[in-house]
Amino acid sequence: MHLSEIDFGSRQPIEGYGPDFFRLGGQAHPAPVIFVPGQVLPWGGYADHAALLALAGRVDVLLIGTGGQIAHIPQDLRAALEEAGLGVEAMDSTAACRTYNVLLSEARRVAVALLPVG
């Protein structure tokens, strides 16, 4: 098997996480949080529609990490995001971190909104 080193260019992948934080660029950021390439944004959780809707036109895919377990996001939030043209994928937060890093390595227009895992 041939392994290739991933080149993120100037984009920073998620490096790790703990019960109430996610690490990016060597710095721990308290959850909930939004990562967009080159930017870290505060997020108020599911009730904070505005922070996610502000990503419309900037990203094609929005990953939502639902915490330690996979869960459905509120239907009104999903409908608002899809109406704004954002592709939404919900998964547990650890899977969202991995998926974000893969899409980031492909230079995709992606953002991730993460709820705490603990």
C-alpha atoms as a PDB file:
ATOM      1  CA  MET A   1       0.000   0.000   0.000  1.00  0.00           C
ATOM      2  CA  HIS A   2       1.217   3.480  -0.882  1.00  0.00           C
ATOM      3  CA  LEU A   3       0.551   6.249   1.650  1.00  0.00           C
ATOM      4  CA  SER A   4       0.661   9.896   0.681  1.00  0.00           C
ATOM      5  CA  GLU A   5       1.127  12.798   3.033  1.00  0.00           C
ATOM      6  CA  ILE A   6      -1.841  15.138   3.011  1.00  0.00           C
ATOM      7  CA  ASP A   7      -1.064  18.683   1.949  1.00  0.00           C
ATOM      8  CA  PHE A   8      -3.528  21.175   3.407  1.00  0.00           C
ATOM      9  CA  GLY A   9      -1.683  24.129   1.900  1.00  0.00           C
ATOM     10  CA  SER A  10      -2.432  27.180   4.027  1.00  0.00           C
ATOM     11  CA  ARG A  11      -5.665  25.651   5.357  1.00  0.00           C
ATOM     12  CA  GLN A  12      -5.567  24.334   8.928  1.00  0.00           C
ATOM     13  CA  PRO A  13      -7.117  20.964   9.787  1.00  0.00           C
ATOM     14  CA  ILE A  14      -8.758  20.147  13.091  1.00  0.00           C
ATOM     15  CA  GLU A  15      -5.972  18.636  15.177  1.00  0.00           C
ATOM     16  CA  GLY A  16      -7.916  17.219  18.102  1.00  0.00           C
ATOM     17  CA  TYR A  17     -10.737  17.656  20.574  1.00  0.00           C
ATOM     18  CA  GLY A  18     -11.775  17.144  24.152  1.00  0.00           C
ATOM     19  CA  PRO A  19     -15.048  17.146  26.077  1.00  0.00           C
ATOM     20  CA  ASP A  20     -15.691  20.864  25.505  1.00  0.00           C
ATOM     21  CA  PHE A  21     -13.118  22.107  22.983  1.00  0.00           C
ATOM     22  CA  PHE A  22     -11.710  21.567  19.492  1.00  0.00           C
ATOM     23  CA  ARG A  23      -8.063  22.232  18.574  1.00  0.00           C
ATOM     24  CA  LEU A  24      -7.136  24.104  15.409  1.00  0.00           C
ATOM     25  CA  GLY A  25      -3.758  25.687  14.693  1.00  0.00           C
ATOM     26  CA  GLY A  26      -2.395  24.563  18.043  1.00  0.00           C
ATOM     27  CA  GLN A  27      -5.086  26.475  19.932  1.00  0.00           C
ATOM     28  CA  ALA A  28      -8.072  25.051  21.811  1.00  0.00           C
ATOM     29  CA  HIS A  29     -11.397  26.706  20.954  1.00  0.00           C
ATOM     30  CA  PRO A  30     -14.383  26.256  23.263  1.00  0.00           C
ATOM     31  CA  ALA A  31     -17.403  24.477  21.817  1.00  0.00           C
ATOM     32  CA  PRO A  32     -19.797  25.118  20.273  1.00  0.00           C
ATOM     33  CA  VAL A  33     -17.708  26.581  17.464  1.00  0.00           C
ATOM     34  CA  ILE A  34     -17.676  27.020  13.683  1.00  0.00           C
ATOM     35  CA  PHE A  35     -14.550  26.437  11.589  1.00  0.00           C
ATOM     36  CA  VAL A  36     -14.323  27.856   8.083  1.00  0.00           C
ATOM     37  CA  PRO A  37     -10.959  27.751   6.307  1.00  0.00           C
ATOM     38  CA  GLY A  38      -9.031  30.704   7.710  1.00  0.00           C
ATOM     39  CA  GLN A  39     -11.629  31.605  10.325  1.00  0.00           C
ATOM     40  CA  VAL A  40     -12.918  30.486  13.739  1.00  0.00           C
ATOM     41  CA  LEU A  41     -16.386  31.725  14.662  1.00  0.00           C
ATOM     42  CA  PRO A  42     -18.403  31.471  17.861  1.00  0.00           C
ATOM     43  CA  TRP A  43     -21.649  29.532  17.605  1.00  0.00           C
ATOM     44  CA  GLY A  44     -24.598  29.555  19.968  1.00  0.00           C
ATOM     45  CA  GLY A  45     -25.739  26.050  19.044  1.00  0.00           C
ATOM     46  CA  TYR A  46     -28.894  25.082  17.196  1.00  0.00           C
ATOM     47  CA  ALA A  47     -30.733  28.271  18.186  1.00  0.00           C
ATOM     48  CA  ASP A  48     -28.058  30.399  16.486  1.00  0.00           C
ATOM     49  CA  HIS A  49     -29.341  30.243  12.909  1.00  0.00           C
ATOM     50  CA  ALA A  50     -27.749  33.563  11.932  1.00  0.00           C
ATOM     51  CA  ALA A  51     -24.155  32.371  12.374  1.00  0.00           C
ATOM     52  CA  LEU A  52     -24.783  29.426  10.059  1.00  0.00           C
ATOM     53  CA  LEU A  53     -26.852  31.352   7.511  1.00  0.00           C
ATOM     54  CA  ALA A  54     -23.989  33.857   7.210  1.00  0.00           C
ATOM     55  CA  LEU A  55     -21.986  31.056   5.554  1.00  0.00           C
ATOM     56  CA  ALA A  56     -24.314  30.987   2.528  1.00  0.00           C
ATOM     57  CA  GLY A  57     -22.360  31.729  -0.630  1.00  0.00           C
ATOM     58  CA  ARG A  58     -19.046  31.132   1.145  1.00  0.00           C
ATOM     59  CA  VAL A  59     -19.271  27.347   1.416  1.00  0.00           C
ATOM     60  CA  ASP A  60     -20.988  24.557  -0.479  1.00  0.00           C
ATOM     61  CA  VAL A  61     -21.112  22.026   2.338  1.00  0.00           C
ATOM     62  CA  LEU A  62     -21.866  22.654   6.001  1.00  0.00           C
ATOM     63  CA  LEU A  63     -21.101  19.787   8.337  1.00  0.00           C
ATOM     64  CA  ILE A  64     -22.882  19.880  11.672  1.00  0.00           C
ATOM     65  CA  GLY A  65     -21.326  17.899  14.499  1.00  0.00           C
ATOM     66  CA  THR A  66     -24.168  16.925  16.817  1.00  0.00           C
ATOM     67  CA  GLY A  67     -22.000  16.153  19.852  1.00  0.00           C
ATOM     68  CA  GLY A  68     -20.983  12.736  21.148  1.00  0.00           C
ATOM     69  CA  GLN A  69     -23.861  10.951  19.395  1.00  0.00           C
ATOM     70  CA  ILE A  70     -25.391  11.376  15.971  1.00  0.00           C
ATOM     71  CA  ALA A  71     -28.715  13.193  16.167  1.00  0.00           C
ATOM     72  CA  HIS A  72     -31.135  14.956  13.881  1.00  0.00           C
ATOM     73  CA  ILE A  73     -30.765  18.713  13.720  1.00  0.00           C
ATOM     74  CA  PRO A  74     -33.960  20.726  14.247  1.00  0.00           C
ATOM     75  CA  GLN A  75     -36.105  20.650  11.116  1.00  0.00           C
ATOM     76  CA  ASP A  76     -36.560  24.438  11.041  1.00  0.00           C
ATOM     77  CA  LEU A  77     -32.771  24.887  11.075  1.00  0.00           C
ATOM     78  CA  ARG A  78     -32.261  22.346   8.295  1.00  0.00           C
ATOM     79  CA  ALA A  79     -34.983  23.965   6.174  1.00  0.00           C
ATOM     80  CA  ALA A  80     -33.503  27.464   6.627  1.00  0.00           C
ATOM     81  CA  LEU A  81     -30.003  26.291   5.713  1.00  0.00           C
ATOM     82  CA  GLU A  82     -31.153  24.387   2.647  1.00  0.00           C
ATOM     83  CA  GLU A  83     -33.293  27.323   1.522  1.00  0.00           C
ATOM     84  CA  ALA A  84     -30.153  29.487   1.751  1.00  0.00           C
ATOM     85  CA  GLY A  85     -28.386  27.067  -0.608  1.00  0.00           C
ATOM     86  CA  LEU A  86     -26.217  25.292   1.940  1.00  0.00           C
ATOM     87  CA  GLY A  87     -25.731  21.552   1.638  1.00  0.00           C
ATOM     88  CA  VAL A  88     -26.100  20.221   5.195  1.00  0.00           C
ATOM     89  CA  GLU A  89     -24.728  16.974   6.602  1.00  0.00           C
ATOM     90  CA  ALA A  90     -25.273  16.081  10.258  1.00  0.00           C
ATOM     91  CA  MET A  91     -23.069  13.536  12.044  1.00  0.00           C
ATOM     92  CA  ASP A  92     -21.507  13.126  15.462  1.00  0.00           C
ATOM     93  CA  SER A  93     -18.818  15.722  16.146  1.00  0.00           C
ATOM     94  CA  THR A  94     -15.859  13.341  15.872  1.00  0.00           C
ATOM     95  CA  ALA A  95     -16.988  12.173  12.434  1.00  0.00           C
ATOM     96  CA  ALA A  96     -17.604  15.809  11.439  1.00  0.00           C
ATOM     97  CA  CYS A  97     -13.990  16.658  12.366  1.00  0.00           C
ATOM     98  CA  ARG A  98     -12.627  13.808  10.223  1.00  0.00           C
ATOM     99  CA  THR A  99     -14.898  14.642   7.291  1.00  0.00           C
ATOM    100  CA  TYR A 100     -14.001  18.342   7.487  1.00  0.00           C
ATOM    101  CA  ASN A 101     -10.296  17.487   7.310  1.00  0.00           C
ATOM    102  CA  VAL A 102     -10.802  15.229   4.270  1.00  0.00           C
ATOM    103  CA  LEU A 103     -12.838  17.855   2.404  1.00  0.00           C
ATOM    104  CA  LEU A 104     -10.353  20.538   3.449  1.00  0.00           C
ATOM    105  CA  SER A 105      -7.495  18.480   1.959  1.00  0.00           C
ATOM    106  CA  GLU A 106      -9.457  18.411  -1.317  1.00  0.00           C
ATOM    107  CA  ALA A 107      -9.699  22.233  -1.233  1.00  0.00           C
ATOM    108  CA  ARG A 108     -13.489  22.037  -1.023  1.00  0.00           C
ATOM    109  CA  ARG A 109     -15.599  24.977   0.157  1.00  0.00           C
ATOM    110  CA  VAL A 110     -16.551  23.491   3.517  1.00  0.00           C
ATOM    111  CA  ALA A 111     -17.390  24.632   7.037  1.00  0.00           C
ATOM    112  CA  VAL A 112     -18.099  22.689  10.203  1.00  0.00           C
ATOM    113  CA  ALA A 113     -20.252  23.666  13.176  1.00  0.00           C
ATOM    114  CA  LEU A 114     -19.413  21.584  16.224  1.00  0.00           C
ATOM    115  CA  LEU A 115     -21.266  20.855  19.451  1.00  0.00           C
ATOM    116  CA  PRO A 116     -19.163  19.529  22.372  1.00  0.00           C
ATOM    117  CA  VAL A 117     -18.450  15.796  22.452  1.00  0.00           C
ATOM    118  CA  GLY A 118     -18.570  15.488  26.244  1.00  0.00           C
END
